[in-house]
Amino acid sequence: MTVWLIGAPALLAGAVPAILIARRSTRGARRALLALAGGLPAAALGVMLLVLSAGPAHAQSAAAAASSSPSGNNGALIGAAIAVAASCLGAGIAVAYTGSAALALMSERPELFGRAMVVVGLAEGIAIYGLVVAVILIGKA
């Protein structure tokens, strides 16, 4: 856990200057994106090496901490949170695009209102699928 507390701000500290450089010039944008694209896998590899080099002593203390906690299966709860967050983010993006396209369609042909709303409703279904996956994961915890 401490690896993520150190690694996440480090990744953010690397990403913010890359974004600022990218806004200034197109040549700088390519360089910044290449540096960011190469830096993220390198940072992930570093985090993985830190986790794997922790050794069996750390694994035993982590197992003792997990058995003493009231909820032994926190992975399912984290997975449920990720499922809901990712599906809601995807649904929001999908509704934004389909909603704007539906409004453009209805301004030209108002008789296609029903068909346009069906497509927007299908995009909102993505969030419901994520919620179903989260309920299934919480049920197994």
N, C-alpha and C. Protein backbone atom coordinates (compact mmCIF):
# COMPACT_ATOMS: atom_id res chain seq x y z
N MET A 1 0.82 -1.20 0.00
CA MET A 1 0.00 0.00 0.00
C MET A 1 0.86 1.26 0.00
N THR A 2 1.97 1.20 0.73
CA THR A 2 2.84 2.38 0.76
C THR A 2 3.48 2.64 -0.59
N VAL A 3 3.64 1.58 -1.38
CA VAL A 3 4.19 1.77 -2.73
C VAL A 3 3.26 2.65 -3.55
N TRP A 4 1.96 2.43 -3.44
CA TRP A 4 1.00 3.24 -4.19
C TRP A 4 0.93 4.66 -3.65
N LEU A 5 1.12 4.81 -2.33
CA LEU A 5 1.10 6.15 -1.75
C LEU A 5 2.28 6.98 -2.24
N ILE A 6 3.38 6.30 -2.58
CA ILE A 6 4.54 7.00 -3.11
C ILE A 6 4.47 7.07 -4.63
N GLY A 7 4.03 5.98 -5.27
CA GLY A 7 4.06 5.89 -6.72
C GLY A 7 3.03 6.76 -7.42
N ALA A 8 1.83 6.86 -6.87
CA ALA A 8 0.77 7.64 -7.53
C ALA A 8 1.12 9.13 -7.61
N PRO A 9 1.58 9.77 -6.53
CA PRO A 9 1.99 11.17 -6.68
C PRO A 9 3.19 11.35 -7.61
N ALA A 10 4.08 10.35 -7.65
CA ALA A 10 5.23 10.44 -8.55
C ALA A 10 4.77 10.41 -10.01
N LEU A 11 3.81 9.52 -10.32
CA LEU A 11 3.26 9.49 -11.67
C LEU A 11 2.55 10.79 -12.02
N LEU A 12 1.81 11.34 -11.06
CA LEU A 12 1.13 12.60 -11.28
C LEU A 12 2.12 13.73 -11.48
N ALA A 13 3.20 13.71 -10.71
CA ALA A 13 4.23 14.74 -10.85
C ALA A 13 4.91 14.65 -12.21
N GLY A 14 4.97 13.47 -12.79
CA GLY A 14 5.54 13.34 -14.12
C GLY A 14 4.55 13.70 -15.21
N ALA A 15 3.27 13.48 -14.97
CA ALA A 15 2.26 13.73 -15.99
C ALA A 15 1.93 15.21 -16.12
N VAL A 16 1.93 15.95 -15.04
CA VAL A 16 1.56 17.36 -15.09
C VAL A 16 2.54 18.18 -15.95
N PRO A 17 3.86 18.04 -15.76
CA PRO A 17 4.75 18.79 -16.67
C PRO A 17 4.61 18.35 -18.13
N ALA A 18 4.36 17.07 -18.34
CA ALA A 18 4.19 16.60 -19.73
C ALA A 18 2.98 17.26 -20.37
N ILE A 19 1.91 17.41 -19.63
CA ILE A 19 0.71 18.07 -20.17
C ILE A 19 0.97 19.55 -20.42
N LEU A 20 1.69 20.19 -19.51
CA LEU A 20 1.98 21.61 -19.69
C LEU A 20 2.89 21.83 -20.90
N ILE A 21 3.85 20.95 -21.10
CA ILE A 21 4.70 21.07 -22.28
C ILE A 21 3.90 20.82 -23.55
N ALA A 22 2.98 19.88 -23.48
CA ALA A 22 2.18 19.55 -24.65
C ALA A 22 1.29 20.72 -25.09
N ARG A 23 0.89 21.55 -24.15
CA ARG A 23 0.03 22.68 -24.50
C ARG A 23 0.80 23.80 -25.19
N ARG A 24 2.11 23.84 -25.00
CA ARG A 24 2.88 24.97 -25.54
C ARG A 24 3.23 24.83 -27.00
N SER A 25 3.62 23.66 -27.44
CA SER A 25 4.02 23.51 -28.84
C SER A 25 3.71 22.11 -29.33
N THR A 26 3.60 21.98 -30.63
CA THR A 26 3.29 20.66 -31.19
C THR A 26 4.49 19.74 -31.13
N ARG A 27 5.69 20.26 -31.36
CA ARG A 27 6.88 19.42 -31.27
C ARG A 27 7.10 18.99 -29.82
N GLY A 28 6.89 19.89 -28.91
CA GLY A 28 7.00 19.54 -27.49
C GLY A 28 5.91 18.57 -27.07
N ALA A 29 4.77 18.67 -27.74
CA ALA A 29 3.67 17.76 -27.40
C ALA A 29 4.04 16.34 -27.76
N ARG A 30 4.65 16.15 -28.91
CA ARG A 30 5.05 14.79 -29.29
C ARG A 30 6.09 14.24 -28.35
N ARG A 31 7.06 15.06 -28.00
CA ARG A 31 8.10 14.61 -27.07
C ARG A 31 7.52 14.30 -25.70
N ALA A 32 6.61 15.13 -25.24
CA ALA A 32 6.02 14.91 -23.92
C ALA A 32 5.18 13.64 -23.90
N LEU A 33 4.42 13.43 -24.96
CA LEU A 33 3.60 12.23 -25.02
C LEU A 33 4.46 10.97 -25.12
N LEU A 34 5.55 11.04 -25.87
CA LEU A 34 6.45 9.89 -25.94
C LEU A 34 7.12 9.64 -24.59
N ALA A 35 7.50 10.70 -23.90
CA ALA A 35 8.10 10.52 -22.58
C ALA A 35 7.10 9.95 -21.59
N LEU A 36 5.87 10.43 -21.66
CA LEU A 36 4.83 9.92 -20.77
C LEU A 36 4.48 8.48 -21.10
N ALA A 37 4.41 8.17 -22.40
CA ALA A 37 4.10 6.80 -22.81
C ALA A 37 5.21 5.84 -22.43
N GLY A 38 6.43 6.28 -22.42
CA GLY A 38 7.54 5.43 -21.99
C GLY A 38 7.69 5.40 -20.49
N GLY A 39 7.30 6.48 -19.83
CA GLY A 39 7.47 6.57 -18.39
C GLY A 39 6.46 5.77 -17.60
N LEU A 40 5.23 5.69 -18.09
CA LEU A 40 4.22 4.95 -17.35
C LEU A 40 4.53 3.45 -17.24
N PRO A 41 4.90 2.78 -18.34
CA PRO A 41 5.28 1.37 -18.18
C PRO A 41 6.52 1.20 -17.30
N ALA A 42 7.46 2.13 -17.39
CA ALA A 42 8.65 2.04 -16.54
C ALA A 42 8.28 2.20 -15.07
N ALA A 43 7.37 3.11 -14.78
CA ALA A 43 6.93 3.29 -13.40
C ALA A 43 6.16 2.07 -12.90
N ALA A 44 5.32 1.50 -13.78
CA ALA A 44 4.59 0.29 -13.40
C ALA A 44 5.55 -0.87 -13.14
N LEU A 45 6.59 -0.98 -13.94
CA LEU A 45 7.60 -2.02 -13.73
C LEU A 45 8.32 -1.80 -12.41
N GLY A 46 8.63 -0.56 -12.08
CA GLY A 46 9.26 -0.26 -10.81
C GLY A 46 8.39 -0.63 -9.62
N VAL A 47 7.10 -0.31 -9.71
CA VAL A 47 6.18 -0.67 -8.63
C VAL A 47 6.08 -2.18 -8.51
N MET A 48 6.02 -2.88 -9.64
CA MET A 48 5.95 -4.34 -9.59
C MET A 48 7.19 -4.94 -8.97
N LEU A 49 8.36 -4.40 -9.31
CA LEU A 49 9.60 -4.91 -8.72
C LEU A 49 9.66 -4.64 -7.22
N LEU A 50 9.16 -3.50 -6.79
CA LEU A 50 9.12 -3.21 -5.36
C LEU A 50 8.19 -4.17 -4.61
N VAL A 51 7.07 -4.46 -5.22
CA VAL A 51 6.12 -5.37 -4.58
C VAL A 51 6.68 -6.79 -4.54
N LEU A 52 7.30 -7.23 -5.63
CA LEU A 52 7.83 -8.58 -5.67
C LEU A 52 9.07 -8.76 -4.81
N SER A 53 9.81 -7.69 -4.57
CA SER A 53 11.02 -7.80 -3.75
C SER A 53 10.74 -7.67 -2.26
N ALA A 54 9.47 -7.56 -1.88
CA ALA A 54 9.13 -7.41 -0.47
C ALA A 54 9.50 -8.64 0.33
N GLY A 55 9.45 -9.81 -0.28
CA GLY A 55 9.90 -11.03 0.38
C GLY A 55 8.82 -11.69 1.21
N PRO A 56 9.15 -12.89 1.75
CA PRO A 56 8.15 -13.65 2.50
C PRO A 56 7.81 -13.02 3.85
N ALA A 57 8.74 -12.26 4.46
CA ALA A 57 8.44 -11.65 5.75
C ALA A 57 7.30 -10.64 5.61
N HIS A 58 7.34 -9.88 4.54
CA HIS A 58 6.27 -8.92 4.31
C HIS A 58 4.96 -9.64 4.01
N ALA A 59 5.03 -10.74 3.29
CA ALA A 59 3.82 -11.50 2.96
C ALA A 59 3.19 -12.07 4.22
N GLN A 60 4.00 -12.53 5.17
CA GLN A 60 3.45 -13.08 6.41
C GLN A 60 2.79 -11.98 7.24
N SER A 61 3.41 -10.80 7.30
CA SER A 61 2.79 -9.72 8.06
C SER A 61 1.52 -9.24 7.39
N ALA A 62 1.50 -9.25 6.05
CA ALA A 62 0.29 -8.85 5.34
C ALA A 62 -0.82 -9.87 5.54
N ALA A 63 -0.47 -11.15 5.59
CA ALA A 63 -1.47 -12.19 5.82
C ALA A 63 -2.03 -12.09 7.24
N ALA A 64 -1.19 -11.77 8.20
CA ALA A 64 -1.67 -11.60 9.58
C ALA A 64 -2.58 -10.39 9.68
N ALA A 65 -2.24 -9.32 8.97
CA ALA A 65 -3.09 -8.13 9.00
C ALA A 65 -4.43 -8.40 8.33
N ALA A 66 -4.41 -9.19 7.26
CA ALA A 66 -5.66 -9.49 6.55
C ALA A 66 -6.56 -10.38 7.38
N SER A 67 -5.98 -11.31 8.13
CA SER A 67 -6.81 -12.19 8.95
C SER A 67 -7.36 -11.47 10.16
N SER A 68 -6.68 -10.41 10.62
CA SER A 68 -7.18 -9.68 11.78
C SER A 68 -8.21 -8.63 11.40
N SER A 69 -8.31 -8.30 10.10
CA SER A 69 -9.28 -7.30 9.69
C SER A 69 -10.68 -7.92 9.65
N PRO A 70 -11.72 -7.13 9.86
CA PRO A 70 -13.07 -7.68 9.87
C PRO A 70 -13.50 -8.22 8.52
N SER A 71 -13.04 -7.60 7.46
CA SER A 71 -13.40 -8.07 6.12
C SER A 71 -12.15 -8.66 5.49
N GLY A 72 -12.11 -9.97 5.33
CA GLY A 72 -10.93 -10.63 4.83
C GLY A 72 -10.76 -10.50 3.33
N ASN A 73 -11.83 -10.23 2.59
CA ASN A 73 -11.75 -10.20 1.13
C ASN A 73 -11.96 -8.78 0.62
N ASN A 74 -10.94 -7.95 0.79
CA ASN A 74 -11.06 -6.56 0.34
C ASN A 74 -10.89 -6.45 -1.17
N GLY A 75 -10.31 -7.45 -1.80
CA GLY A 75 -10.11 -7.41 -3.25
C GLY A 75 -11.42 -7.36 -4.00
N ALA A 76 -12.42 -8.09 -3.51
CA ALA A 76 -13.73 -8.08 -4.18
C ALA A 76 -14.39 -6.70 -4.05
N LEU A 77 -14.19 -6.06 -2.91
CA LEU A 77 -14.78 -4.73 -2.73
C LEU A 77 -14.09 -3.69 -3.61
N ILE A 78 -12.77 -3.80 -3.73
CA ILE A 78 -12.05 -2.89 -4.61
C ILE A 78 -12.46 -3.14 -6.07
N GLY A 79 -12.61 -4.41 -6.44
CA GLY A 79 -13.06 -4.74 -7.79
C GLY A 79 -14.45 -4.20 -8.07
N ALA A 80 -15.32 -4.27 -7.07
CA ALA A 80 -16.67 -3.72 -7.24
C ALA A 80 -16.62 -2.21 -7.43
N ALA A 81 -15.76 -1.54 -6.68
CA ALA A 81 -15.64 -0.09 -6.83
C ALA A 81 -15.10 0.27 -8.21
N ILE A 82 -14.12 -0.49 -8.68
CA ILE A 82 -13.56 -0.23 -10.01
C ILE A 82 -14.61 -0.48 -11.09
N ALA A 83 -15.41 -1.55 -10.91
CA ALA A 83 -16.45 -1.86 -11.91
C ALA A 83 -17.47 -0.74 -12.00
N VAL A 84 -17.91 -0.23 -10.87
CA VAL A 84 -18.90 0.84 -10.88
C VAL A 84 -18.30 2.13 -11.44
N ALA A 85 -17.09 2.46 -11.01
CA ALA A 85 -16.47 3.70 -11.47
C ALA A 85 -16.21 3.67 -12.97
N ALA A 86 -15.66 2.58 -13.46
CA ALA A 86 -15.34 2.50 -14.89
C ALA A 86 -16.60 2.48 -15.75
N SER A 87 -17.61 1.74 -15.31
CA SER A 87 -18.83 1.68 -16.11
C SER A 87 -19.57 3.02 -16.11
N CYS A 88 -19.56 3.72 -14.99
CA CYS A 88 -20.22 5.03 -14.97
C CYS A 88 -19.45 6.04 -15.82
N LEU A 89 -18.14 5.96 -15.80
CA LEU A 89 -17.34 6.84 -16.65
C LEU A 89 -17.60 6.55 -18.13
N GLY A 90 -17.62 5.28 -18.47
CA GLY A 90 -17.91 4.90 -19.86
C GLY A 90 -19.32 5.29 -20.28
N ALA A 91 -20.27 5.10 -19.38
CA ALA A 91 -21.65 5.48 -19.70
C ALA A 91 -21.77 6.99 -19.87
N GLY A 92 -21.06 7.75 -19.06
CA GLY A 92 -21.11 9.20 -19.20
C GLY A 92 -20.56 9.67 -20.54
N ILE A 93 -19.45 9.05 -20.96
CA ILE A 93 -18.88 9.41 -22.26
C ILE A 93 -19.82 9.00 -23.38
N ALA A 94 -20.40 7.80 -23.26
CA ALA A 94 -21.31 7.33 -24.31
C ALA A 94 -22.56 8.19 -24.40
N VAL A 95 -23.12 8.56 -23.26
CA VAL A 95 -24.32 9.40 -23.27
C VAL A 95 -24.00 10.79 -23.81
N ALA A 96 -22.81 11.29 -23.54
CA ALA A 96 -22.44 12.61 -24.06
C ALA A 96 -22.44 12.60 -25.59
N TYR A 97 -21.82 11.58 -26.17
CA TYR A 97 -21.76 11.53 -27.64
C TYR A 97 -23.11 11.20 -28.25
N THR A 98 -23.79 10.20 -27.71
CA THR A 98 -25.08 9.82 -28.31
C THR A 98 -26.14 10.87 -28.04
N GLY A 99 -26.09 11.53 -26.90
CA GLY A 99 -27.06 12.58 -26.61
C GLY A 99 -26.92 13.78 -27.52
N SER A 100 -25.66 14.17 -27.77
CA SER A 100 -25.48 15.32 -28.67
C SER A 100 -25.87 14.94 -30.10
N ALA A 101 -25.58 13.71 -30.49
CA ALA A 101 -25.99 13.28 -31.83
C ALA A 101 -27.51 13.17 -31.93
N ALA A 102 -28.15 12.72 -30.85
CA ALA A 102 -29.61 12.62 -30.85
C ALA A 102 -30.26 14.00 -30.94
N LEU A 103 -29.70 14.97 -30.23
CA LEU A 103 -30.24 16.33 -30.32
C LEU A 103 -30.05 16.91 -31.72
N ALA A 104 -28.91 16.63 -32.33
CA ALA A 104 -28.70 17.12 -33.70
C ALA A 104 -29.68 16.46 -34.67
N LEU A 105 -29.93 15.17 -34.46
CA LEU A 105 -30.88 14.46 -35.31
C LEU A 105 -32.29 15.00 -35.13
N MET A 106 -32.69 15.25 -33.88
CA MET A 106 -34.05 15.73 -33.62
C MET A 106 -34.27 17.15 -34.12
N SER A 107 -33.18 17.93 -34.22
CA SER A 107 -33.37 19.28 -34.76
C SER A 107 -33.67 19.24 -36.25
N GLU A 108 -33.18 18.20 -36.92
CA GLU A 108 -33.46 18.08 -38.35
C GLU A 108 -34.70 17.27 -38.64
N ARG A 109 -34.88 16.18 -37.89
CA ARG A 109 -36.04 15.28 -38.13
C ARG A 109 -36.67 14.93 -36.78
N PRO A 110 -37.63 15.72 -36.31
CA PRO A 110 -38.23 15.51 -34.99
C PRO A 110 -38.99 14.19 -34.87
N GLU A 111 -39.38 13.59 -35.97
CA GLU A 111 -40.14 12.34 -35.89
C GLU A 111 -39.28 11.15 -35.45
N LEU A 112 -37.96 11.31 -35.40
CA LEU A 112 -37.07 10.22 -34.99
C LEU A 112 -36.69 10.31 -33.51
N PHE A 113 -37.53 10.97 -32.71
CA PHE A 113 -37.25 11.14 -31.29
C PHE A 113 -37.14 9.79 -30.57
N GLY A 114 -38.05 8.89 -30.85
CA GLY A 114 -38.06 7.60 -30.16
C GLY A 114 -36.81 6.78 -30.44
N ARG A 115 -36.39 6.74 -31.68
CA ARG A 115 -35.19 5.98 -32.03
C ARG A 115 -33.94 6.58 -31.39
N ALA A 116 -33.89 7.89 -31.35
CA ALA A 116 -32.72 8.55 -30.74
C ALA A 116 -32.66 8.27 -29.24
N MET A 117 -33.79 8.26 -28.57
CA MET A 117 -33.79 8.01 -27.13
C MET A 117 -33.46 6.55 -26.81
N VAL A 118 -33.78 5.65 -27.71
CA VAL A 118 -33.40 4.24 -27.51
C VAL A 118 -31.89 4.11 -27.49
N VAL A 119 -31.22 4.79 -28.39
CA VAL A 119 -29.75 4.72 -28.44
C VAL A 119 -29.14 5.33 -27.19
N VAL A 120 -29.69 6.43 -26.70
CA VAL A 120 -29.19 7.04 -25.47
C VAL A 120 -29.45 6.11 -24.29
N GLY A 121 -30.59 5.45 -24.28
CA GLY A 121 -30.89 4.49 -23.21
C GLY A 121 -29.95 3.29 -23.22
N LEU A 122 -29.57 2.84 -24.39
CA LEU A 122 -28.61 1.74 -24.48
C LEU A 122 -27.25 2.16 -23.92
N ALA A 123 -26.88 3.40 -24.15
CA ALA A 123 -25.62 3.89 -23.60
C ALA A 123 -25.67 3.94 -22.08
N GLU A 124 -26.82 4.28 -21.52
CA GLU A 124 -26.96 4.31 -20.06
C GLU A 124 -26.95 2.91 -19.46
N GLY A 125 -27.26 1.91 -20.27
CA GLY A 125 -27.24 0.54 -19.79
C GLY A 125 -25.86 0.07 -19.37
N ILE A 126 -24.82 0.71 -19.88
CA ILE A 126 -23.45 0.35 -19.51
C ILE A 126 -23.25 0.53 -18.01
N ALA A 127 -23.78 1.59 -17.44
CA ALA A 127 -23.65 1.82 -16.00
C ALA A 127 -24.40 0.75 -15.21
N ILE A 128 -25.52 0.31 -15.72
CA ILE A 128 -26.29 -0.73 -15.03
C ILE A 128 -25.53 -2.05 -15.04
N TYR A 129 -24.84 -2.35 -16.15
CA TYR A 129 -24.04 -3.57 -16.19
C TYR A 129 -22.92 -3.53 -15.15
N GLY A 130 -22.28 -2.39 -14.99
CA GLY A 130 -21.25 -2.25 -13.96
C GLY A 130 -21.81 -2.43 -12.57
N LEU A 131 -23.01 -1.93 -12.34
CA LEU A 131 -23.65 -2.10 -11.04
C LEU A 131 -23.98 -3.56 -10.77
N VAL A 132 -24.41 -4.28 -11.79
CA VAL A 132 -24.70 -5.72 -11.64
C VAL A 132 -23.42 -6.48 -11.30
N VAL A 133 -22.34 -6.16 -11.98
CA VAL A 133 -21.06 -6.82 -11.69
C VAL A 133 -20.63 -6.52 -10.26
N ALA A 134 -20.82 -5.29 -9.81
CA ALA A 134 -20.46 -4.92 -8.44
C ALA A 134 -21.29 -5.69 -7.42
N VAL A 135 -22.57 -5.86 -7.67
CA VAL A 135 -23.42 -6.62 -6.75
C VAL A 135 -22.97 -8.07 -6.69
N ILE A 136 -22.61 -8.63 -7.84
CA ILE A 136 -22.13 -10.01 -7.86
C ILE A 136 -20.83 -10.14 -7.07
N LEU A 137 -19.92 -9.19 -7.23
CA LEU A 137 -18.64 -9.24 -6.52
C LEU A 137 -18.82 -9.05 -5.03
N ILE A 138 -19.71 -8.16 -4.63
CA ILE A 138 -19.95 -7.95 -3.20
C ILE A 138 -20.61 -9.16 -2.60
N GLY A 139 -21.45 -9.85 -3.37
CA GLY A 139 -22.08 -11.08 -2.88
C GLY A 139 -21.08 -12.17 -2.62
N LYS A 140 -19.97 -12.19 -3.35
CA LYS A 140 -18.95 -13.21 -3.15
C LYS A 140 -17.97 -12.84 -2.03
N ALA A 141 -17.98 -11.58 -1.58
CA ALA A 141 -17.03 -11.14 -0.54
C ALA A 141 -17.37 -11.72 0.82
